Amino acid sequence: MRGGLTRRMVIASALLALLTSAAFAVLLLAIRDQRNSAQLALHSQEVLAAANRVERLLVDIETGTRGYLLTGEDRFLQPAHAG
Protein backbone atom coordinates (compact mmCIF):
# COMPACT_ATOMS: atom_id res chain seq x y z
CA MET A 1 0.00 0.00 0.00
CA ARG A 2 2.00 2.92 -1.23
CA GLY A 3 0.46 6.08 0.20
CA GLY A 4 -2.95 4.45 0.53
CA LEU A 5 -4.52 6.64 3.19
CA THR A 6 -2.84 9.84 2.06
CA ARG A 7 -3.83 9.25 -1.52
CA ARG A 8 -7.44 8.59 -0.55
CA MET A 9 -7.54 11.73 1.58
CA VAL A 10 -6.18 13.87 -1.27
CA ILE A 11 -8.70 12.42 -3.73
CA ALA A 12 -11.57 12.85 -1.25
CA SER A 13 -10.50 16.44 -0.50
CA ALA A 14 -10.27 17.27 -4.21
CA LEU A 15 -13.73 15.81 -4.85
CA LEU A 16 -15.17 17.72 -1.90
CA ALA A 17 -13.58 20.96 -3.14
CA LEU A 18 -14.99 20.33 -6.62
CA LEU A 19 -18.45 19.62 -5.23
CA THR A 20 -18.35 22.73 -3.05
CA SER A 21 -17.20 24.87 -5.99
CA ALA A 22 -20.02 23.54 -8.16
CA ALA A 23 -22.60 24.28 -5.46
CA PHE A 24 -21.21 27.81 -5.07
CA ALA A 25 -21.41 28.38 -8.83
CA VAL A 26 -25.02 27.21 -8.88
CA LEU A 27 -25.84 29.63 -6.04
CA LEU A 28 -24.18 32.52 -7.88
CA LEU A 29 -26.21 31.78 -11.01
CA ALA A 30 -29.41 31.60 -8.96
CA ILE A 31 -28.64 34.96 -7.35
CA ARG A 32 -27.99 36.53 -10.76
CA ASP A 33 -31.30 35.19 -12.07
CA GLN A 34 -33.08 36.48 -8.97
CA ARG A 35 -31.67 39.98 -9.52
CA ASN A 36 -32.70 39.92 -13.17
CA SER A 37 -36.22 38.89 -12.18
CA ALA A 38 -36.39 41.68 -9.61
CA GLN A 39 -35.29 44.24 -12.21
CA LEU A 40 -37.89 42.98 -14.68
CA ALA A 41 -40.60 43.16 -12.03
CA LEU A 42 -39.62 46.75 -11.18
CA HIS A 43 -39.68 47.70 -14.85
CA SER A 44 -43.12 46.10 -15.23
CA GLN A 45 -44.44 48.11 -12.29
CA GLU A 46 -43.11 51.32 -13.82
CA VAL A 47 -44.70 50.52 -17.18
CA LEU A 48 -48.03 49.70 -15.52
CA ALA A 49 -47.96 52.95 -13.55
CA ALA A 50 -47.27 54.94 -16.72
CA ALA A 51 -50.04 53.13 -18.60
CA ASN A 52 -52.45 53.83 -15.75
CA ARG A 53 -51.58 57.52 -15.82
CA VAL A 54 -52.08 57.69 -19.61
CA GLU A 55 -55.41 55.92 -19.25
CA ARG A 56 -56.60 58.41 -16.62
CA LEU A 57 -55.52 61.34 -18.79
CA LEU A 58 -57.31 59.86 -21.78
CA VAL A 59 -60.52 59.43 -19.78
CA ASP A 60 -60.24 63.08 -18.67
CA ILE A 61 -59.78 64.19 -22.27
CA GLU A 62 -62.73 62.10 -23.44
CA THR A 63 -64.94 63.44 -20.67
CA GLY A 64 -63.92 67.02 -21.43
CA THR A 65 -64.50 66.55 -25.14
CA ARG A 66 -67.92 65.11 -24.47
CA GLY A 67 -68.75 68.06 -22.21
CA TYR A 68 -67.56 70.50 -24.87
CA LEU A 69 -69.65 68.82 -27.57
CA LEU A 70 -72.73 68.93 -25.36
CA THR A 71 -72.36 72.49 -24.07
CA GLY A 72 -69.93 74.26 -26.41
CA GLU A 73 -68.07 75.74 -23.42
CA ASP A 74 -64.29 75.96 -23.77
CA ARG A 75 -63.65 75.18 -20.11
CA PHE A 76 -64.30 71.50 -20.84
CA LEU A 77 -61.31 71.45 -23.21
CA GLN A 78 -58.79 72.19 -20.42
CA PRO A 79 -57.86 68.49 -19.97
CA ALA A 80 -57.24 68.20 -23.70
CA HIS A 81 -54.99 71.27 -23.71
CA ALA A 82 -53.15 70.05 -20.62
CA GLY A 83 -52.67 66.58 -22.14
PDB file of N, CA and C in Angstrom:
ATOM      1  N   MET A   1       0.826  -1.182   0.000  1.00  0.00           N
ATOM      2  CA  MET A   1       0.000   0.000   0.000  1.00  0.00           C
ATOM      3  C   MET A   1       0.875   1.253   0.000  1.00  0.00           C
ATOM      4  N   ARG A   2       1.178   1.720  -1.140  1.00  0.00           N
ATOM      5  CA  ARG A   2       1.996   2.919  -1.230  1.00  0.00           C
ATOM      6  C   ARG A   2       1.107   4.149  -1.103  1.00  0.00           C
ATOM      7  N   GLY A   3       1.218   4.857  -0.028  1.00  0.00           N
ATOM      8  CA  GLY A   3       0.458   6.082   0.202  1.00  0.00           C
ATOM      9  C   GLY A   3      -1.042   5.874   0.147  1.00  0.00           C
ATOM     10  N   GLY A   4      -1.531   4.788   0.649  1.00  0.00           N
ATOM     11  CA  GLY A   4      -2.945   4.446   0.533  1.00  0.00           C
ATOM     12  C   GLY A   4      -3.870   5.461   1.190  1.00  0.00           C
ATOM     13  N   LEU A   5      -3.647   5.723   2.460  1.00  0.00           N
ATOM     14  CA  LEU A   5      -4.524   6.635   3.193  1.00  0.00           C
ATOM     15  C   LEU A   5      -4.339   8.072   2.724  1.00  0.00           C
ATOM     16  N   THR A   6      -3.117   8.476   2.504  1.00  0.00           N
ATOM     17  CA  THR A   6      -2.839   9.842   2.061  1.00  0.00           C
ATOM     18  C   THR A   6      -3.455  10.087   0.683  1.00  0.00           C
ATOM     19  N   ARG A   7      -3.286   9.131  -0.175  1.00  0.00           N
ATOM     20  CA  ARG A   7      -3.831   9.250  -1.521  1.00  0.00           C
ATOM     21  C   ARG A   7      -5.360   9.353  -1.487  1.00  0.00           C
ATOM     22  N   ARG A   8      -5.984   8.550  -0.676  1.00  0.00           N
ATOM     23  CA  ARG A   8      -7.443   8.592  -0.546  1.00  0.00           C
ATOM     24  C   ARG A   8      -7.913   9.934   0.019  1.00  0.00           C
ATOM     25  N   MET A   9      -7.172  10.441   0.978  1.00  0.00           N
ATOM     26  CA  MET A   9      -7.539  11.732   1.583  1.00  0.00           C
ATOM     27  C   MET A   9      -7.400  12.869   0.563  1.00  0.00           C
ATOM     28  N   VAL A  10      -6.366  12.836  -0.254  1.00  0.00           N
ATOM     29  CA  VAL A  10      -6.175  13.872  -1.273  1.00  0.00           C
ATOM     30  C   VAL A  10      -7.294  13.799  -2.304  1.00  0.00           C
ATOM     31  N   ILE A  11      -7.629  12.596  -2.752  1.00  0.00           N
ATOM     32  CA  ILE A  11      -8.704  12.425  -3.729  1.00  0.00           C
ATOM     33  C   ILE A  11     -10.039  12.869  -3.132  1.00  0.00           C
ATOM     34  N   ALA A  12     -10.314  12.469  -1.908  1.00  0.00           N
ATOM     35  CA  ALA A  12     -11.569  12.854  -1.254  1.00  0.00           C
ATOM     36  C   ALA A  12     -11.636  14.367  -1.066  1.00  0.00           C
ATOM     37  N   SER A  13     -10.526  14.987  -0.682  1.00  0.00           N
ATOM     38  CA  SER A  13     -10.497  16.440  -0.503  1.00  0.00           C
ATOM     39  C   SER A  13     -10.711  17.150  -1.830  1.00  0.00           C
ATOM     40  N   ALA A  14     -10.103  16.661  -2.899  1.00  0.00           N
ATOM     41  CA  ALA A  14     -10.274  17.272  -4.211  1.00  0.00           C
ATOM     42  C   ALA A  14     -11.728  17.147  -4.677  1.00  0.00           C
ATOM     43  N   LEU A  15     -12.330  15.991  -4.472  1.00  0.00           N
ATOM     44  CA  LEU A  15     -13.733  15.812  -4.847  1.00  0.00           C
ATOM     45  C   LEU A  15     -14.649  16.714  -4.034  1.00  0.00           C
ATOM     46  N   LEU A  16     -14.364  16.844  -2.759  1.00  0.00           N
ATOM     47  CA  LEU A  16     -15.166  17.720  -1.902  1.00  0.00           C
ATOM     48  C   LEU A  16     -15.023  19.179  -2.335  1.00  0.00           C
ATOM     49  N   ALA A  17     -13.798  19.593  -2.663  1.00  0.00           N
ATOM     50  CA  ALA A  17     -13.582  20.960  -3.141  1.00  0.00           C
ATOM     51  C   ALA A  17     -14.314  21.194  -4.459  1.00  0.00           C
ATOM     52  N   LEU A  18     -14.297  20.218  -5.343  1.00  0.00           N
ATOM     53  CA  LEU A  18     -14.992  20.331  -6.620  1.00  0.00           C
ATOM     54  C   LEU A  18     -16.499  20.427  -6.412  1.00  0.00           C
ATOM     55  N   LEU A  19     -17.025  19.608  -5.529  1.00  0.00           N
ATOM     56  CA  LEU A  19     -18.453  19.622  -5.233  1.00  0.00           C
ATOM     57  C   LEU A  19     -18.866  20.958  -4.606  1.00  0.00           C
ATOM     58  N   THR A  20     -18.057  21.450  -3.697  1.00  0.00           N
ATOM     59  CA  THR A  20     -18.348  22.730  -3.048  1.00  0.00           C
ATOM     60  C   THR A  20     -18.300  23.868  -4.064  1.00  0.00           C
ATOM     61  N   SER A  21     -17.315  23.833  -4.951  1.00  0.00           N
ATOM     62  CA  SER A  21     -17.205  24.867  -5.989  1.00  0.00           C
ATOM     63  C   SER A  21     -18.404  24.833  -6.922  1.00  0.00           C
ATOM     64  N   ALA A  22     -18.850  23.666  -7.291  1.00  0.00           N
ATOM     65  CA  ALA A  22     -20.020  23.543  -8.164  1.00  0.00           C
ATOM     66  C   ALA A  22     -21.274  24.087  -7.474  1.00  0.00           C
ATOM     67  N   ALA A  23     -21.446  23.774  -6.201  1.00  0.00           N
ATOM     68  CA  ALA A  23     -22.599  24.278  -5.457  1.00  0.00           C
ATOM     69  C   ALA A  23     -22.548  25.807  -5.363  1.00  0.00           C
ATOM     70  N   PHE A  24     -21.375  26.362  -5.148  1.00  0.00           N
ATOM     71  CA  PHE A  24     -21.206  27.807  -5.066  1.00  0.00           C
ATOM     72  C   PHE A  24     -21.540  28.458  -6.410  1.00  0.00           C
ATOM     73  N   ALA A  25     -21.103  27.848  -7.502  1.00  0.00           N
ATOM     74  CA  ALA A  25     -21.405  28.380  -8.830  1.00  0.00           C
ATOM     75  C   ALA A  25     -22.907  28.361  -9.101  1.00  0.00           C
ATOM     76  N   VAL A  26     -23.568  27.298  -8.699  1.00  0.00           N
ATOM     77  CA  VAL A  26     -25.022  27.214  -8.879  1.00  0.00           C
ATOM     78  C   VAL A  26     -25.715  28.306  -8.073  1.00  0.00           C
ATOM     79  N   LEU A  27     -25.255  28.569  -6.863  1.00  0.00           N
ATOM     80  CA  LEU A  27     -25.841  29.627  -6.039  1.00  0.00           C
ATOM     81  C   LEU A  27     -25.625  30.998  -6.672  1.00  0.00           C
ATOM     82  N   LEU A  28     -24.452  31.236  -7.221  1.00  0.00           N
ATOM     83  CA  LEU A  28     -24.184  32.517  -7.876  1.00  0.00           C
ATOM     84  C   LEU A  28     -25.094  32.719  -9.084  1.00  0.00           C
ATOM     85  N   LEU A  29     -25.304  31.682  -9.856  1.00  0.00           N
ATOM     86  CA  LEU A  29     -26.215  31.776 -11.007  1.00  0.00           C
ATOM     87  C   LEU A  29     -27.646  32.039 -10.558  1.00  0.00           C
ATOM     88  N   ALA A  30     -28.054  31.385  -9.475  1.00  0.00           N
ATOM     89  CA  ALA A  30     -29.409  31.598  -8.957  1.00  0.00           C
ATOM     90  C   ALA A  30     -29.588  33.039  -8.463  1.00  0.00           C
ATOM     91  N   ILE A  31     -28.568  33.578  -7.818  1.00  0.00           N
ATOM     92  CA  ILE A  31     -28.643  34.963  -7.346  1.00  0.00           C
ATOM     93  C   ILE A  31     -28.727  35.923  -8.523  1.00  0.00           C
ATOM     94  N   ARG A  32     -27.948  35.672  -9.566  1.00  0.00           N
ATOM     95  CA  ARG A  32     -27.993  36.526 -10.759  1.00  0.00           C
ATOM     96  C   ARG A  32     -29.376  36.496 -11.392  1.00  0.00           C
ATOM     97  N   ASP A  33     -29.954  35.314 -11.503  1.00  0.00           N
ATOM     98  CA  ASP A  33     -31.301  35.194 -12.074  1.00  0.00           C
ATOM     99  C   ASP A  33     -32.337  35.895 -11.204  1.00  0.00           C
ATOM    100  N   GLN A  34     -32.162  35.813  -9.902  1.00  0.00           N
ATOM    101  CA  GLN A  34     -33.084  36.480  -8.969  1.00  0.00           C
ATOM    102  C   GLN A  34     -33.011  37.997  -9.148  1.00  0.00           C
ATOM    103  N   ARG A  35     -31.817  38.526  -9.311  1.00  0.00           N
ATOM    104  CA  ARG A  35     -31.669  39.975  -9.517  1.00  0.00           C
ATOM    105  C   ARG A  35     -32.288  40.399 -10.839  1.00  0.00           C
ATOM    106  N   ASN A  36     -32.090  39.601 -11.876  1.00  0.00           N
ATOM    107  CA  ASN A  36     -32.699  39.921 -13.166  1.00  0.00           C
ATOM    108  C   ASN A  36     -34.217  39.919 -13.066  1.00  0.00           C
ATOM    109  N   SER A  37     -34.761  38.959 -12.356  1.00  0.00           N
ATOM    110  CA  SER A  37     -36.217  38.891 -12.182  1.00  0.00           C
ATOM    111  C   SER A  37     -36.729  40.099 -11.407  1.00  0.00           C
ATOM    112  N   ALA A  38     -35.995  40.513 -10.399  1.00  0.00           N
ATOM    113  CA  ALA A  38     -36.394  41.684  -9.611  1.00  0.00           C
ATOM    114  C   ALA A  38     -36.370  42.946 -10.471  1.00  0.00           C
ATOM    115  N   GLN A  39     -35.365  43.079 -11.327  1.00  0.00           N
ATOM    116  CA  GLN A  39     -35.294  44.243 -12.210  1.00  0.00           C
ATOM    117  C   GLN A  39     -36.441  44.238 -13.221  1.00  0.00           C
ATOM    118  N   LEU A  40     -36.766  43.077 -13.746  1.00  0.00           N
ATOM    119  CA  LEU A  40     -37.888  42.984 -14.684  1.00  0.00           C
ATOM    120  C   LEU A  40     -39.208  43.316 -14.002  1.00  0.00           C
ATOM    121  N   ALA A  41     -39.368  42.866 -12.762  1.00  0.00           N
ATOM    122  CA  ALA A  41     -40.598  43.165 -12.029  1.00  0.00           C
ATOM    123  C   ALA A  41     -40.715  44.663 -11.760  1.00  0.00           C
ATOM    124  N   LEU A  42     -39.607  45.304 -11.415  1.00  0.00           N
ATOM    125  CA  LEU A  42     -39.622  46.746 -11.178  1.00  0.00           C
ATOM    126  C   LEU A  42     -39.961  47.492 -12.464  1.00  0.00           C
ATOM    127  N   HIS A  43     -39.381  47.067 -13.565  1.00  0.00           N
ATOM    128  CA  HIS A  43     -39.684  47.704 -14.848  1.00  0.00           C
ATOM    129  C   HIS A  43     -41.160  47.524 -15.206  1.00  0.00           C
ATOM    130  N   SER A  44     -41.698  46.349 -14.950  1.00  0.00           N
ATOM    131  CA  SER A  44     -43.115  46.096 -15.227  1.00  0.00           C
ATOM    132  C   SER A  44     -44.009  47.010 -14.396  1.00  0.00           C
ATOM    133  N   GLN A  45     -43.650  47.212 -13.140  1.00  0.00           N
ATOM    134  CA  GLN A  45     -44.437  48.106 -12.290  1.00  0.00           C
ATOM    135  C   GLN A  45     -44.396  49.535 -12.819  1.00  0.00           C
ATOM    136  N   GLU A  46     -43.227  49.969 -13.277  1.00  0.00           N
ATOM    137  CA  GLU A  46     -43.109  51.322 -13.822  1.00  0.00           C
ATOM    138  C   GLU A  46     -43.946  51.475 -15.086  1.00  0.00           C
ATOM    139  N   VAL A  47     -43.920  50.460 -15.944  1.00  0.00           N
ATOM    140  CA  VAL A  47     -44.704  50.516 -17.175  1.00  0.00           C
ATOM    141  C   VAL A  47     -46.200  50.528 -16.855  1.00  0.00           C
ATOM    142  N   LEU A  48     -46.619  49.721 -15.901  1.00  0.00           N
ATOM    143  CA  LEU A  48     -48.034  49.697 -15.523  1.00  0.00           C
ATOM    144  C   LEU A  48     -48.473  51.031 -14.928  1.00  0.00           C
ATOM    145  N   ALA A  49     -47.617  51.644 -14.131  1.00  0.00           N
ATOM    146  CA  ALA A  49     -47.956  52.947 -13.553  1.00  0.00           C
ATOM    147  C   ALA A  49     -48.088  54.004 -14.649  1.00  0.00           C
ATOM    148  N   ALA A  50     -47.190  53.983 -15.619  1.00  0.00           N
ATOM    149  CA  ALA A  50     -47.270  54.938 -16.721  1.00  0.00           C
ATOM    150  C   ALA A  50     -48.522  54.701 -17.556  1.00  0.00           C
ATOM    151  N   ALA A  51     -48.841  53.451 -17.825  1.00  0.00           N
ATOM    152  CA  ALA A  51     -50.040  53.132 -18.602  1.00  0.00           C
ATOM    153  C   ALA A  51     -51.299  53.570 -17.851  1.00  0.00           C
ATOM    154  N   ASN A  52     -51.310  53.406 -16.554  1.00  0.00           N
ATOM    155  CA  ASN A  52     -52.452  53.826 -15.746  1.00  0.00           C
ATOM    156  C   ASN A  52     -52.630  55.342 -15.816  1.00  0.00           C
ATOM    157  N   ARG A  53     -51.508  56.061 -15.747  1.00  0.00           N
ATOM    158  CA  ARG A  53     -51.584  57.522 -15.821  1.00  0.00           C
ATOM    159  C   ARG A  53     -52.105  57.958 -17.194  1.00  0.00           C
ATOM    160  N   VAL A  54     -51.613  57.348 -18.257  1.00  0.00           N
ATOM    161  CA  VAL A  54     -52.082  57.689 -19.605  1.00  0.00           C
ATOM    162  C   VAL A  54     -53.569  57.387 -19.740  1.00  0.00           C
ATOM    163  N   GLU A  55     -53.993  56.275 -19.173  1.00  0.00           N
ATOM    164  CA  GLU A  55     -55.411  55.917 -19.248  1.00  0.00           C
ATOM    165  C   GLU A  55     -56.276  56.954 -18.538  1.00  0.00           C
ATOM    166  N   ARG A  56     -55.833  57.390 -17.343  1.00  0.00           N
ATOM    167  CA  ARG A  56     -56.602  58.405 -16.618  1.00  0.00           C
ATOM    168  C   ARG A  56     -56.656  59.720 -17.386  1.00  0.00           C
ATOM    169  N   LEU A  57     -55.523  60.106 -18.001  1.00  0.00           N
ATOM    170  CA  LEU A  57     -55.518  61.340 -18.793  1.00  0.00           C
ATOM    171  C   LEU A  57     -56.445  61.227 -20.003  1.00  0.00           C
ATOM    172  N   LEU A  58     -56.446  60.071 -20.619  1.00  0.00           N
ATOM    173  CA  LEU A  58     -57.314  59.858 -21.779  1.00  0.00           C
ATOM    174  C   LEU A  58     -58.791  59.928 -21.388  1.00  0.00           C
ATOM    175  N   VAL A  59     -59.131  59.362 -20.248  1.00  0.00           N
ATOM    176  CA  VAL A  59     -60.516  59.433 -19.778  1.00  0.00           C
ATOM    177  C   VAL A  59     -60.892  60.884 -19.503  1.00  0.00           C
ATOM    178  N   ASP A  60     -59.963  61.660 -18.905  1.00  0.00           N
ATOM    179  CA  ASP A  60     -60.241  63.084 -18.666  1.00  0.00           C
ATOM    180  C   ASP A  60     -60.460  63.829 -19.977  1.00  0.00           C
ATOM    181  N   ILE A  61     -59.634  63.530 -20.976  1.00  0.00           N
ATOM    182  CA  ILE A  61     -59.778  64.192 -22.274  1.00  0.00           C
ATOM    183  C   ILE A  61     -61.106  63.820 -22.920  1.00  0.00           C
ATOM    184  N   GLU A  62     -61.456  62.538 -22.857  1.00  0.00           N
ATOM    185  CA  GLU A  62     -62.730  62.095 -23.441  1.00  0.00           C
ATOM    186  C   GLU A  62     -63.917  62.752 -22.749  1.00  0.00           C
ATOM    187  N   THR A  63     -63.843  62.826 -21.428  1.00  0.00           N
ATOM    188  CA  THR A  63     -64.938  63.444 -20.671  1.00  0.00           C
ATOM    189  C   THR A  63     -65.047  64.926 -21.003  1.00  0.00           C
ATOM    190  N   GLY A  64     -63.902  65.599 -21.080  1.00  0.00           N
ATOM    191  CA  GLY A  64     -63.919  67.021 -21.426  1.00  0.00           C
ATOM    192  C   GLY A  64     -64.433  67.262 -22.834  1.00  0.00           C
ATOM    193  N   THR A  65     -64.026  66.411 -23.763  1.00  0.00           N
ATOM    194  CA  THR A  65     -64.495  66.551 -25.139  1.00  0.00           C
ATOM    195  C   THR A  65     -66.006  66.339 -25.218  1.00  0.00           C
ATOM    196  N   ARG A  66     -66.478  65.372 -24.497  1.00  0.00           N
ATOM    197  CA  ARG A  66     -67.924  65.114 -24.469  1.00  0.00           C
ATOM    198  C   ARG A  66     -68.659  66.321 -23.884  1.00  0.00           C
ATOM    199  N   GLY A  67     -68.125  66.872 -22.811  1.00  0.00           N
ATOM    200  CA  GLY A  67     -68.746  68.064 -22.215  1.00  0.00           C
ATOM    201  C   GLY A  67     -68.729  69.237 -23.165  1.00  0.00           C
ATOM    202  N   TYR A  68     -67.638  69.406 -23.893  1.00  0.00           N
ATOM    203  CA  TYR A  68     -67.562  70.504 -24.870  1.00  0.00           C
ATOM    204  C   TYR A  68     -68.572  70.312 -25.994  1.00  0.00           C
ATOM    205  N   LEU A  69     -68.695  69.079 -26.481  1.00  0.00           N
ATOM    206  CA  LEU A  69     -69.647  68.824 -27.565  1.00  0.00           C
ATOM    207  C   LEU A  69     -71.086  69.037 -27.122  1.00  0.00           C
ATOM    208  N   LEU A  70     -71.368  68.759 -25.854  1.00  0.00           N
ATOM    209  CA  LEU A  70     -72.731  68.930 -25.361  1.00  0.00           C
ATOM    210  C   LEU A  70     -73.060  70.388 -25.060  1.00  0.00           C
ATOM    211  N   THR A  71     -72.068  71.124 -24.526  1.00  0.00           N
ATOM    212  CA  THR A  71     -72.355  72.493 -24.070  1.00  0.00           C
ATOM    213  C   THR A  71     -71.726  73.568 -24.942  1.00  0.00           C
ATOM    214  N   GLY A  72     -70.629  73.256 -25.616  1.00  0.00           N
ATOM    215  CA  GLY A  72     -69.932  74.265 -26.413  1.00  0.00           C
ATOM    216  C   GLY A  72     -69.043  75.176 -25.595  1.00  0.00           C
ATOM    217  N   GLU A  73     -68.890  74.900 -24.303  1.00  0.00           N
ATOM    218  CA  GLU A  73     -68.070  75.740 -23.424  1.00  0.00           C
ATOM    219  C   GLU A  73     -66.606  75.292 -23.488  1.00  0.00           C
ATOM    220  N   ASP A  74     -65.711  76.260 -23.624  1.00  0.00           N
ATOM    221  CA  ASP A  74     -64.288  75.958 -23.773  1.00  0.00           C
ATOM    222  C   ASP A  74     -63.645  75.422 -22.488  1.00  0.00           C
ATOM    223  N   ARG A  75     -64.261  75.649 -21.368  1.00  0.00           N
ATOM    224  CA  ARG A  75     -63.650  75.184 -20.107  1.00  0.00           C
ATOM    225  C   ARG A  75     -63.540  73.656 -20.058  1.00  0.00           C
ATOM    226  N   PHE A  76     -64.360  72.963 -20.819  1.00  0.00           N
ATOM    227  CA  PHE A  76     -64.299  71.500 -20.845  1.00  0.00           C
ATOM    228  C   PHE A  76     -63.094  70.978 -21.632  1.00  0.00           C
ATOM    229  N   LEU A  77     -62.472  71.850 -22.413  1.00  0.00           N
ATOM    230  CA  LEU A  77     -61.314  71.449 -23.213  1.00  0.00           C
ATOM    231  C   LEU A  77     -59.985  71.587 -22.454  1.00  0.00           C
ATOM    232  N   GLN A  78     -60.026  72.037 -21.202  1.00  0.00           N
ATOM    233  CA  GLN A  78     -58.793  72.190 -20.421  1.00  0.00           C
ATOM    234  C   GLN A  78     -58.005  70.876 -20.284  1.00  0.00           C
ATOM    235  N   PRO A  79     -58.656  69.735 -20.033  1.00  0.00           N
ATOM    236  CA  PRO A  79     -57.859  68.494 -19.975  1.00  0.00           C
ATOM    237  C   PRO A  79     -57.183  68.164 -21.298  1.00  0.00           C
ATOM    238  N   ALA A  80     -57.835  68.480 -22.399  1.00  0.00           N
ATOM    239  CA  ALA A  80     -57.237  68.195 -23.705  1.00  0.00           C
ATOM    240  C   ALA A  80     -56.027  69.097 -23.939  1.00  0.00           C
ATOM    241  N   HIS A  81     -56.121  70.351 -23.552  1.00  0.00           N
ATOM    242  CA  HIS A  81     -54.993  71.270 -23.715  1.00  0.00           C
ATOM    243  C   HIS A  81     -53.847  70.884 -22.761  1.00  0.00           C
ATOM    244  N   ALA A  82     -54.193  70.454 -21.580  1.00  0.00           N
ATOM    245  CA  ALA A  82     -53.151  70.050 -20.617  1.00  0.00           C
ATOM    246  C   ALA A  82     -52.471  68.761 -21.045  1.00  0.00           C
ATOM    247  N   GLY A  83     -53.216  67.867 -21.694  1.00  0.00           N
ATOM    248  CA  GLY A  83     -52.666  66.581 -22.137  1.00  0.00           C
ATOM    249  C   GLY A  83     -51.750  66.769 -23.322  1.00  0.00           C
TER     250      GLY A  83
END
